[in-house]
Amino acid sequence: MYVRRLASLGRPERLHPLQEAFRRHHGLQCGFCTPGMLIAAYELLQRNSHPTETQVRQAISGNVCRCTGYVNIVKSVLAAASVMAG
């Protein structure tokens, strides 16, 4: 279900706010964990438009990232939440 939503997440000429936030806030490095992080973040933001840092960390906890240490991923999700909430 979420994979289908992710497939329509943005376009090359116009990124989704989550994709743009990951780009701007360096939420990706090697890209290996990025699809899972985007899916988890998208699902979280569908349920909770104003998550706390703790809630973001819980939502992405099932994804392993060996490059970023999660700091920039969390920043990216919180930035996207702010943009998406208006």
Protein backbone atom coordinates (compact mmCIF):
# COMPACT_ATOMS: atom_id res chain seq x y z
CA MET A 1 0.00 0.00 0.00
CA TYR A 2 2.71 2.51 0.96
CA VAL A 3 4.93 1.51 -1.94
CA ARG A 4 2.23 2.61 -4.34
CA ARG A 5 1.98 5.96 -2.57
CA LEU A 6 5.75 6.35 -2.61
CA ALA A 7 5.87 5.64 -6.33
CA SER A 8 3.81 8.77 -6.82
CA LEU A 9 5.79 10.78 -4.29
CA GLY A 10 6.95 13.74 -6.31
CA ARG A 11 8.21 13.97 -9.86
CA PRO A 12 11.67 14.71 -11.22
CA GLU A 13 10.63 18.27 -12.03
CA ARG A 14 8.89 18.77 -8.67
CA LEU A 15 9.98 16.81 -5.63
CA HIS A 16 7.60 15.95 -2.80
CA PRO A 17 8.29 18.02 0.36
CA LEU A 18 9.80 14.92 2.02
CA GLN A 19 12.18 14.35 -0.87
CA GLU A 20 13.10 18.03 -0.95
CA ALA A 21 13.70 18.09 2.80
CA PHE A 22 15.94 15.01 2.59
CA ARG A 23 17.91 16.78 -0.15
CA ARG A 24 18.18 20.12 1.64
CA HIS A 25 18.98 18.74 5.08
CA HIS A 26 21.35 15.99 3.94
CA GLY A 27 19.04 13.23 5.14
CA LEU A 28 20.62 10.75 2.76
CA GLN A 29 24.13 9.66 2.05
CA CYS A 30 24.57 6.36 0.25
CA GLY A 31 20.84 6.05 -0.48
CA PHE A 32 20.50 2.47 0.77
CA CYS A 33 18.05 3.31 3.57
CA THR A 34 16.34 6.23 1.83
CA PRO A 35 13.31 4.37 0.39
CA GLY A 36 12.47 2.87 3.78
CA MET A 37 13.00 6.17 5.55
CA LEU A 38 10.74 7.98 3.08
CA ILE A 39 8.02 5.34 3.43
CA ALA A 40 8.19 5.43 7.23
CA ALA A 41 8.23 9.24 7.29
CA TYR A 42 5.38 9.51 4.80
CA GLU A 43 3.24 7.12 6.84
CA LEU A 44 4.03 9.02 10.05
CA LEU A 45 3.13 12.38 8.51
CA GLN A 46 -0.15 10.97 7.22
CA ARG A 47 -1.08 10.10 10.81
CA ASN A 48 0.59 12.99 12.62
CA SER A 49 1.25 16.29 10.87
CA HIS A 50 3.24 17.74 13.81
CA PRO A 51 5.43 14.92 15.17
CA THR A 52 8.01 15.41 17.87
CA GLU A 53 11.62 14.35 17.43
CA THR A 54 10.91 11.31 19.60
CA GLN A 55 7.95 10.32 17.43
CA VAL A 56 10.06 10.65 14.28
CA ARG A 57 12.78 8.50 15.81
CA GLN A 58 10.21 5.87 16.77
CA ALA A 59 8.68 5.91 13.30
CA ILE A 60 12.01 5.33 11.54
CA SER A 61 13.38 2.90 14.13
CA GLY A 62 12.78 -0.11 11.89
CA ASN A 63 15.22 1.23 9.28
CA VAL A 64 18.96 0.91 9.67
CA CYS A 65 21.17 3.76 8.46
CA ARG A 66 24.92 3.35 8.73
CA CYS A 67 25.89 6.70 7.19
CA THR A 68 24.06 9.59 8.82
CA GLY A 69 23.54 8.65 12.44
CA TYR A 70 19.87 9.63 11.96
CA VAL A 71 20.39 13.28 12.98
CA ASN A 72 19.88 14.70 9.49
CA ILE A 73 17.13 12.22 8.71
CA VAL A 74 15.17 13.42 11.75
CA LYS A 75 15.83 17.06 10.77
CA SER A 76 14.58 16.27 7.27
CA VAL A 77 11.34 14.71 8.47
CA LEU A 78 10.64 17.57 10.87
CA ALA A 79 11.35 20.12 8.15
CA ALA A 80 9.02 18.32 5.75
CA ALA A 81 6.33 18.17 8.43
CA SER A 82 6.55 21.93 8.82
CA VAL A 83 6.24 22.52 5.06
CA MET A 84 3.44 20.00 4.61
CA ALA A 85 1.45 21.41 7.55
CA GLY A 86 1.61 24.87 6.00
